Amino acid sequence: MKTRLRDMREDNDLTQQKCSEIAFISKNSYIRYENGERVPPLDVMITLAKYYNVSLDYLSGLTNKKDKYW
């Protein structure tokens, strides 16, 4: 998951600070999620998946298909 979070952020030309603001979390928390030090809670994952317009499965690394299911 950590690689996917970083890849999505970089693909969208976002900073870690901007991603933390999008997810309504602290920058330090986002950095820990991106580095794989912590697992992001479901509400944060949903927020980021909606922002990136991808499925939770894609964002979590369970699939390589970006299609969303909602």
N, C-alpha and C. Protein backbone atom coordinates (compact mmCIF):
# COMPACT_ATOMS: atom_id res chain seq x y z
N MET A 1 0.82 -1.19 0.00
CA MET A 1 0.00 0.00 0.00
C MET A 1 0.87 1.26 0.00
N LYS A 2 1.98 1.20 0.72
CA LYS A 2 2.80 2.40 0.83
C LYS A 2 3.28 2.87 -0.53
N THR A 3 3.65 1.95 -1.40
CA THR A 3 4.11 2.32 -2.73
C THR A 3 2.98 2.96 -3.53
N ARG A 4 1.79 2.41 -3.41
CA ARG A 4 0.64 2.93 -4.16
C ARG A 4 0.31 4.34 -3.71
N LEU A 5 0.34 4.59 -2.41
CA LEU A 5 0.05 5.94 -1.92
C LEU A 5 1.05 6.94 -2.48
N ARG A 6 2.31 6.59 -2.44
CA ARG A 6 3.34 7.49 -2.96
C ARG A 6 3.19 7.68 -4.47
N ASP A 7 2.95 6.58 -5.18
CA ASP A 7 2.79 6.67 -6.64
C ASP A 7 1.61 7.56 -7.02
N MET A 8 0.49 7.38 -6.34
CA MET A 8 -0.70 8.19 -6.65
C MET A 8 -0.42 9.67 -6.36
N ARG A 9 0.25 9.94 -5.25
CA ARG A 9 0.57 11.32 -4.90
C ARG A 9 1.48 11.94 -5.94
N GLU A 10 2.52 11.22 -6.32
CA GLU A 10 3.46 11.76 -7.29
C GLU A 10 2.84 11.88 -8.68
N ASP A 11 2.01 10.91 -9.08
CA ASP A 11 1.33 10.97 -10.38
C ASP A 11 0.42 12.19 -10.49
N ASN A 12 -0.08 12.65 -9.35
CA ASN A 12 -0.99 13.81 -9.32
C ASN A 12 -0.28 15.09 -8.91
N ASP A 13 1.05 15.04 -8.87
CA ASP A 13 1.87 16.21 -8.53
C ASP A 13 1.44 16.87 -7.23
N LEU A 14 1.22 16.05 -6.21
CA LEU A 14 0.81 16.55 -4.90
C LEU A 14 1.94 16.42 -3.90
N THR A 15 1.94 17.28 -2.92
CA THR A 15 2.89 17.17 -1.82
C THR A 15 2.27 16.32 -0.72
N GLN A 16 3.11 15.86 0.19
CA GLN A 16 2.59 15.13 1.35
C GLN A 16 1.69 16.04 2.17
N GLN A 17 2.02 17.30 2.25
CA GLN A 17 1.19 18.25 2.99
C GLN A 17 -0.20 18.34 2.36
N LYS A 18 -0.28 18.46 1.05
CA LYS A 18 -1.57 18.56 0.37
C LYS A 18 -2.39 17.29 0.57
N CYS A 19 -1.75 16.13 0.50
CA CYS A 19 -2.47 14.87 0.72
C CYS A 19 -3.01 14.79 2.13
N SER A 20 -2.24 15.26 3.09
CA SER A 20 -2.73 15.25 4.47
C SER A 20 -3.94 16.17 4.62
N GLU A 21 -3.93 17.29 3.93
CA GLU A 21 -5.08 18.20 3.97
C GLU A 21 -6.30 17.57 3.31
N ILE A 22 -6.10 16.89 2.20
CA ILE A 22 -7.21 16.22 1.50
C ILE A 22 -7.85 15.18 2.41
N ALA A 23 -7.02 14.44 3.16
CA ALA A 23 -7.50 13.37 4.02
C ALA A 23 -7.88 13.84 5.42
N PHE A 24 -7.71 15.14 5.71
CA PHE A 24 -8.03 15.71 7.02
C PHE A 24 -7.24 15.05 8.15
N ILE A 25 -5.95 14.86 7.90
CA ILE A 25 -5.06 14.27 8.90
C ILE A 25 -3.79 15.12 8.99
N SER A 26 -2.95 14.83 9.96
CA SER A 26 -1.70 15.58 10.08
C SER A 26 -0.71 15.09 9.02
N LYS A 27 0.22 15.96 8.69
CA LYS A 27 1.25 15.60 7.72
C LYS A 27 2.06 14.41 8.23
N ASN A 28 2.38 14.40 9.52
CA ASN A 28 3.15 13.30 10.09
C ASN A 28 2.42 11.98 9.96
N SER A 29 1.10 11.97 10.15
CA SER A 29 0.33 10.75 9.99
C SER A 29 0.40 10.28 8.54
N TYR A 30 0.22 11.20 7.61
CA TYR A 30 0.28 10.82 6.20
C TYR A 30 1.64 10.23 5.85
N ILE A 31 2.70 10.85 6.33
CA ILE A 31 4.05 10.36 6.05
C ILE A 31 4.21 8.94 6.59
N ARG A 32 3.69 8.68 7.77
CA ARG A 32 3.78 7.32 8.34
C ARG A 32 3.01 6.32 7.49
N TYR A 33 1.86 6.70 6.97
CA TYR A 33 1.10 5.80 6.09
C TYR A 33 1.88 5.53 4.81
N GLU A 34 2.41 6.59 4.24
CA GLU A 34 3.13 6.46 2.98
C GLU A 34 4.41 5.63 3.14
N ASN A 35 5.05 5.73 4.28
CA ASN A 35 6.28 4.97 4.54
C ASN A 35 6.02 3.55 5.04
N GLY A 36 4.75 3.21 5.24
CA GLY A 36 4.40 1.87 5.69
C GLY A 36 4.60 1.65 7.18
N GLU A 37 4.78 2.72 7.94
CA GLU A 37 4.96 2.61 9.38
C GLU A 37 3.64 2.37 10.09
N ARG A 38 2.57 2.80 9.48
CA ARG A 38 1.22 2.62 10.02
C ARG A 38 0.26 2.32 8.88
N VAL A 39 -0.84 1.67 9.23
CA VAL A 39 -1.90 1.38 8.25
C VAL A 39 -2.96 2.46 8.38
N PRO A 40 -3.30 3.13 7.28
CA PRO A 40 -4.31 4.18 7.37
C PRO A 40 -5.69 3.60 7.69
N PRO A 41 -6.48 4.32 8.48
CA PRO A 41 -7.83 3.86 8.77
C PRO A 41 -8.71 3.93 7.51
N LEU A 42 -9.78 3.19 7.56
CA LEU A 42 -10.67 3.07 6.41
C LEU A 42 -11.19 4.41 5.93
N ASP A 43 -11.55 5.31 6.83
CA ASP A 43 -12.09 6.60 6.40
C ASP A 43 -11.06 7.41 5.61
N VAL A 44 -9.80 7.30 5.97
CA VAL A 44 -8.74 7.99 5.22
C VAL A 44 -8.58 7.36 3.85
N MET A 45 -8.61 6.04 3.79
CA MET A 45 -8.48 5.34 2.50
C MET A 45 -9.64 5.69 1.57
N ILE A 46 -10.84 5.74 2.12
CA ILE A 46 -12.02 6.09 1.31
C ILE A 46 -11.87 7.51 0.76
N THR A 47 -11.46 8.43 1.60
CA THR A 47 -11.28 9.82 1.17
C THR A 47 -10.27 9.92 0.04
N LEU A 48 -9.14 9.24 0.18
CA LEU A 48 -8.11 9.29 -0.86
C LEU A 48 -8.55 8.58 -2.13
N ALA A 49 -9.23 7.45 -1.99
CA ALA A 49 -9.72 6.73 -3.17
C ALA A 49 -10.71 7.59 -3.95
N LYS A 50 -11.58 8.28 -3.25
CA LYS A 50 -12.53 9.17 -3.92
C LYS A 50 -11.80 10.32 -4.60
N TYR A 51 -10.82 10.89 -3.92
CA TYR A 51 -10.07 12.00 -4.51
C TYR A 51 -9.36 11.56 -5.79
N TYR A 52 -8.71 10.39 -5.74
CA TYR A 52 -7.97 9.89 -6.89
C TYR A 52 -8.86 9.20 -7.92
N ASN A 53 -10.13 8.99 -7.56
CA ASN A 53 -11.10 8.33 -8.44
C ASN A 53 -10.67 6.91 -8.79
N VAL A 54 -10.25 6.17 -7.76
CA VAL A 54 -9.85 4.77 -7.92
C VAL A 54 -10.56 3.94 -6.87
N SER A 55 -10.51 2.62 -7.03
CA SER A 55 -11.13 1.73 -6.05
C SER A 55 -10.24 1.59 -4.82
N LEU A 56 -10.85 1.19 -3.72
CA LEU A 56 -10.08 0.90 -2.52
C LEU A 56 -9.12 -0.26 -2.76
N ASP A 57 -9.56 -1.23 -3.54
CA ASP A 57 -8.69 -2.37 -3.87
C ASP A 57 -7.43 -1.90 -4.58
N TYR A 58 -7.57 -0.96 -5.49
CA TYR A 58 -6.40 -0.44 -6.20
C TYR A 58 -5.49 0.33 -5.25
N LEU A 59 -6.07 1.21 -4.47
CA LEU A 59 -5.28 2.04 -3.57
C LEU A 59 -4.54 1.19 -2.54
N SER A 60 -5.16 0.10 -2.10
CA SER A 60 -4.52 -0.76 -1.11
C SER A 60 -3.57 -1.77 -1.72
N GLY A 61 -3.52 -1.82 -3.05
CA GLY A 61 -2.60 -2.72 -3.72
C GLY A 61 -3.12 -4.13 -3.94
N LEU A 62 -4.43 -4.33 -3.75
CA LEU A 62 -5.01 -5.66 -3.95
C LEU A 62 -5.25 -5.99 -5.42
N THR A 63 -5.31 -4.96 -6.25
CA THR A 63 -5.50 -5.16 -7.68
C THR A 63 -4.77 -4.07 -8.43
N ASN A 64 -4.55 -4.30 -9.70
CA ASN A 64 -3.92 -3.28 -10.55
C ASN A 64 -4.96 -2.57 -11.41
N LYS A 65 -6.23 -2.91 -11.23
CA LYS A 65 -7.32 -2.24 -11.96
C LYS A 65 -7.76 -1.01 -11.18
N LYS A 66 -7.70 0.14 -11.81
CA LYS A 66 -8.06 1.39 -11.14
C LYS A 66 -9.57 1.59 -11.01
N ASP A 67 -10.36 0.81 -11.73
CA ASP A 67 -11.82 1.01 -11.75
C ASP A 67 -12.38 1.08 -10.35
N LYS A 68 -13.26 2.05 -10.15
CA LYS A 68 -13.95 2.13 -8.87
C LYS A 68 -15.27 1.38 -8.97
N TYR A 69 -15.77 0.96 -7.83
CA TYR A 69 -16.97 0.13 -7.80
C TYR A 69 -18.18 0.81 -7.22
N TRP A 70 -18.09 2.10 -6.91
CA TRP A 70 -19.25 2.78 -6.34
C TRP A 70 -19.93 3.64 -7.35
